[in-house]
Amino acid sequence: MAFVSQELKKKLAPGIKNVLKKYKMKGSIAVDNHSTLVVNLKSGSIDFEKDSNSDGYHYQINPYWCHEHFGGVAKDFLVELLAAMKPKDIWYDNSDAMVDYFDTAYYVNINVGQWNKEYLKVS
């Protein structure tokens, strides 16, 4: 059963913050419903719209396909951020959708901006 605690969030926070700092991004880390680790990107130097291969601005990143939907520095950032959010010694996924069996350590969400505050692109 997916579960992420505040203690786990605190344990993962230094790695996530290092990735944010490396790419000059500002964001926050949260836990949603005790099952999802969330990173909310508030501002930064990455232009997600420019580096995306689809139309429109992405507000919620699909963690399963970000390596295919983004290029350049946005792709590099998202791949490193996901690696920090899902370290190999903690995160696992033994799910099998074919038999309706879901067993994962926890889920992850990456939001570019929030519903009430847009992501700010800074130079």
C-alpha atoms as a PDB file:
ATOM      1  CA  MET A   1       0.000   0.000   0.000  1.00  0.00           C
ATOM      2  CA  ALA A   2       1.350   3.386  -0.962  1.00  0.00           C
ATOM      3  CA  PHE A   3       2.426   5.403   2.061  1.00  0.00           C
ATOM      4  CA  VAL A   4       4.675   8.415   2.538  1.00  0.00           C
ATOM      5  CA  SER A   5       5.207   9.922   5.971  1.00  0.00           C
ATOM      6  CA  GLN A   6       6.467  13.318   7.073  1.00  0.00           C
ATOM      7  CA  GLU A   7       9.647  11.568   8.260  1.00  0.00           C
ATOM      8  CA  LEU A   8      10.240  10.143   4.782  1.00  0.00           C
ATOM      9  CA  LYS A   9       9.618  13.573   3.272  1.00  0.00           C
ATOM     10  CA  LYS A  10      12.264  15.037   5.595  1.00  0.00           C
ATOM     11  CA  LYS A  11      14.679  12.266   4.629  1.00  0.00           C
ATOM     12  CA  LEU A  12      14.200  12.920   0.884  1.00  0.00           C
ATOM     13  CA  ALA A  13      14.125  16.738   1.148  1.00  0.00           C
ATOM     14  CA  PRO A  14      17.921  17.366   1.038  1.00  0.00           C
ATOM     15  CA  GLY A  15      18.302  15.456  -2.247  1.00  0.00           C
ATOM     16  CA  ILE A  16      15.292  17.178  -3.805  1.00  0.00           C
ATOM     17  CA  LYS A  17      16.513  20.609  -2.648  1.00  0.00           C
ATOM     18  CA  ASN A  18      19.960  19.929  -4.140  1.00  0.00           C
ATOM     19  CA  VAL A  19      18.377  19.289  -7.548  1.00  0.00           C
ATOM     20  CA  LEU A  20      16.252  22.444  -7.250  1.00  0.00           C
ATOM     21  CA  LYS A  21      19.327  24.482  -6.305  1.00  0.00           C
ATOM     22  CA  LYS A  22      21.434  23.013  -9.128  1.00  0.00           C
ATOM     23  CA  TYR A  23      18.877  24.162 -11.722  1.00  0.00           C
ATOM     24  CA  LYS A  24      18.070  27.469  -9.955  1.00  0.00           C
ATOM     25  CA  MET A  25      14.485  26.457  -9.242  1.00  0.00           C
ATOM     26  CA  LYS A  26      12.270  27.353  -6.303  1.00  0.00           C
ATOM     27  CA  GLY A  27       9.703  24.913  -5.036  1.00  0.00           C
ATOM     28  CA  SER A  28       8.111  23.257  -2.064  1.00  0.00           C
ATOM     29  CA  ILE A  29       7.778  19.645  -0.970  1.00  0.00           C
ATOM     30  CA  ALA A  30       4.523  18.257   0.396  1.00  0.00           C
ATOM     31  CA  VAL A  31       2.708  15.035   1.214  1.00  0.00           C
ATOM     32  CA  ASP A  32      -0.789  14.492  -0.193  1.00  0.00           C
ATOM     33  CA  ASN A  33      -3.170  12.010   1.474  1.00  0.00           C
ATOM     34  CA  HIS A  34      -0.271  10.095   3.070  1.00  0.00           C
ATOM     35  CA  SER A  35       0.302   8.387  -0.299  1.00  0.00           C
ATOM     36  CA  THR A  36       1.867  10.945  -2.628  1.00  0.00           C
ATOM     37  CA  LEU A  37       5.121  12.915  -2.468  1.00  0.00           C
ATOM     38  CA  VAL A  38       4.521  16.248  -4.205  1.00  0.00           C
ATOM     39  CA  VAL A  39       6.971  18.863  -5.485  1.00  0.00           C
ATOM     40  CA  ASN A  40       5.378  22.203  -6.390  1.00  0.00           C
ATOM     41  CA  LEU A  41       7.608  24.296  -8.663  1.00  0.00           C
ATOM     42  CA  LYS A  42       7.073  27.995  -7.977  1.00  0.00           C
ATOM     43  CA  SER A  43       9.682  29.744 -10.128  1.00  0.00           C
ATOM     44  CA  GLY A  44      12.893  29.126 -11.940  1.00  0.00           C
ATOM     45  CA  SER A  45      15.063  29.473 -14.985  1.00  0.00           C
ATOM     46  CA  ILE A  46      13.517  26.597 -16.952  1.00  0.00           C
ATOM     47  CA  ASP A  47      10.953  27.389 -19.638  1.00  0.00           C
ATOM     48  CA  PHE A  48       8.821  24.241 -19.584  1.00  0.00           C
ATOM     49  CA  GLU A  49       6.660  25.425 -22.480  1.00  0.00           C
ATOM     50  CA  LYS A  50       9.672  25.920 -24.775  1.00  0.00           C
ATOM     51  CA  ASP A  51      11.217  22.537 -23.961  1.00  0.00           C
ATOM     52  CA  SER A  52       7.951  20.608 -24.281  1.00  0.00           C
ATOM     53  CA  ASN A  53       6.982  18.742 -27.442  1.00  0.00           C
ATOM     54  CA  SER A  54       3.272  19.496 -27.088  1.00  0.00           C
ATOM     55  CA  ASP A  55       1.060  22.574 -27.247  1.00  0.00           C
ATOM     56  CA  GLY A  56       0.147  24.531 -24.151  1.00  0.00           C
ATOM     57  CA  TYR A  57       1.726  25.022 -20.771  1.00  0.00           C
ATOM     58  CA  HIS A  58       2.139  22.006 -18.500  1.00  0.00           C
ATOM     59  CA  TYR A  59       0.824  22.484 -14.998  1.00  0.00           C
ATOM     60  CA  GLN A  60       1.128  18.884 -13.868  1.00  0.00           C
ATOM     61  CA  ILE A  61       4.026  16.786 -15.091  1.00  0.00           C
ATOM     62  CA  ASN A  62       3.363  13.147 -15.961  1.00  0.00           C
ATOM     63  CA  PRO A  63       6.198  11.357 -14.119  1.00  0.00           C
ATOM     64  CA  TYR A  64       5.950   8.308 -16.386  1.00  0.00           C
ATOM     65  CA  TRP A  65       6.474  10.186 -19.662  1.00  0.00           C
ATOM     66  CA  CYS A  66       8.411  13.369 -18.849  1.00  0.00           C
ATOM     67  CA  HIS A  67      11.577  11.978 -20.490  1.00  0.00           C
ATOM     68  CA  GLU A  68       9.628  11.726 -23.778  1.00  0.00           C
ATOM     69  CA  HIS A  69       7.555  14.915 -23.582  1.00  0.00           C
ATOM     70  CA  PHE A  70      10.373  17.288 -22.696  1.00  0.00           C
ATOM     71  CA  GLY A  71      13.800  18.026 -24.078  1.00  0.00           C
ATOM     72  CA  GLY A  72      16.864  20.026 -23.192  1.00  0.00           C
ATOM     73  CA  VAL A  73      17.364  21.352 -19.705  1.00  0.00           C
ATOM     74  CA  ALA A  74      13.723  20.675 -18.709  1.00  0.00           C
ATOM     75  CA  LYS A  75      14.170  16.962 -19.405  1.00  0.00           C
ATOM     76  CA  ASP A  76      17.490  16.853 -17.524  1.00  0.00           C
ATOM     77  CA  PHE A  77      15.932  18.610 -14.536  1.00  0.00           C
ATOM     78  CA  LEU A  78      12.833  16.414 -14.409  1.00  0.00           C
ATOM     79  CA  VAL A  79      14.822  13.180 -14.713  1.00  0.00           C
ATOM     80  CA  GLU A  80      17.137  14.235 -11.854  1.00  0.00           C
ATOM     81  CA  LEU A  81      14.197  15.458  -9.744  1.00  0.00           C
ATOM     82  CA  LEU A  82      12.353  12.158 -10.160  1.00  0.00           C
ATOM     83  CA  ALA A  83      15.506  10.239  -9.243  1.00  0.00           C
ATOM     84  CA  ALA A  84      15.754  12.305  -6.038  1.00  0.00           C
ATOM     85  CA  MET A  85      12.061  11.727  -5.301  1.00  0.00           C
ATOM     86  CA  LYS A  86      12.314   7.960  -5.909  1.00  0.00           C
ATOM     87  CA  PRO A  87      15.692   6.740  -4.584  1.00  0.00           C
ATOM     88  CA  LYS A  88      16.398   3.114  -5.485  1.00  0.00           C
ATOM     89  CA  ASP A  89      16.892   2.042  -1.877  1.00  0.00           C
ATOM     90  CA  ILE A  90      13.456   3.342  -0.788  1.00  0.00           C
ATOM     91  CA  TRP A  91      11.036   3.438  -3.729  1.00  0.00           C
ATOM     92  CA  TYR A  92       9.631   0.305  -5.373  1.00  0.00           C
ATOM     93  CA  ASP A  93       6.763  -0.592  -7.698  1.00  0.00           C
ATOM     94  CA  ASN A  94       5.526  -4.186  -7.777  1.00  0.00           C
ATOM     95  CA  SER A  95       2.223  -3.280  -9.431  1.00  0.00           C
ATOM     96  CA  ASP A  96       0.590  -5.419 -12.095  1.00  0.00           C
ATOM     97  CA  ALA A  97      -2.271  -3.589 -13.805  1.00  0.00           C
ATOM     98  CA  MET A  98      -3.200  -6.708 -15.797  1.00  0.00           C
ATOM     99  CA  VAL A  99      -4.487  -8.389 -12.633  1.00  0.00           C
ATOM    100  CA  ASP A 100      -5.540  -5.180 -10.891  1.00  0.00           C
ATOM    101  CA  TYR A 101      -2.767  -5.423  -8.283  1.00  0.00           C
ATOM    102  CA  PHE A 102      -1.126  -2.210  -7.117  1.00  0.00           C
ATOM    103  CA  ASP A 103       1.825  -2.284  -4.735  1.00  0.00           C
ATOM    104  CA  THR A 104       4.131   0.721  -4.698  1.00  0.00           C
ATOM    105  CA  ALA A 105       6.078   2.530  -2.011  1.00  0.00           C
ATOM    106  CA  TYR A 106       4.342   5.834  -2.790  1.00  0.00           C
ATOM    107  CA  TYR A 107       3.200   7.978  -5.706  1.00  0.00           C
ATOM    108  CA  VAL A 108       4.892  11.156  -6.965  1.00  0.00           C
ATOM    109  CA  ASN A 109       3.493  14.382  -8.420  1.00  0.00           C
ATOM    110  CA  ILE A 110       5.339  17.351  -9.910  1.00  0.00           C
ATOM    111  CA  ASN A 111       3.304  20.520 -10.351  1.00  0.00           C
ATOM    112  CA  VAL A 112       4.488  23.514 -12.362  1.00  0.00           C
ATOM    113  CA  GLY A 113       2.779  26.303 -10.484  1.00  0.00           C
ATOM    114  CA  GLN A 114      -0.400  25.702  -8.521  1.00  0.00           C
ATOM    115  CA  TRP A 115      -4.074  26.248  -9.183  1.00  0.00           C
ATOM    116  CA  ASN A 116      -3.957  29.658  -7.528  1.00  0.00           C
ATOM    117  CA  LYS A 117      -0.412  30.788  -8.431  1.00  0.00           C
ATOM    118  CA  GLU A 118       1.333  30.498 -11.783  1.00  0.00           C
ATOM    119  CA  TYR A 119       4.886  29.308 -12.281  1.00  0.00           C
ATOM    120  CA  LEU A 120       7.189  32.297 -12.828  1.00  0.00           C
ATOM    121  CA  LYS A 121       9.934  31.993 -15.435  1.00  0.00           C
ATOM    122  CA  VAL A 122      12.928  34.063 -14.288  1.00  0.00           C
ATOM    123  CA  SER A 123      16.207  34.693 -16.057  1.00  0.00           C
END
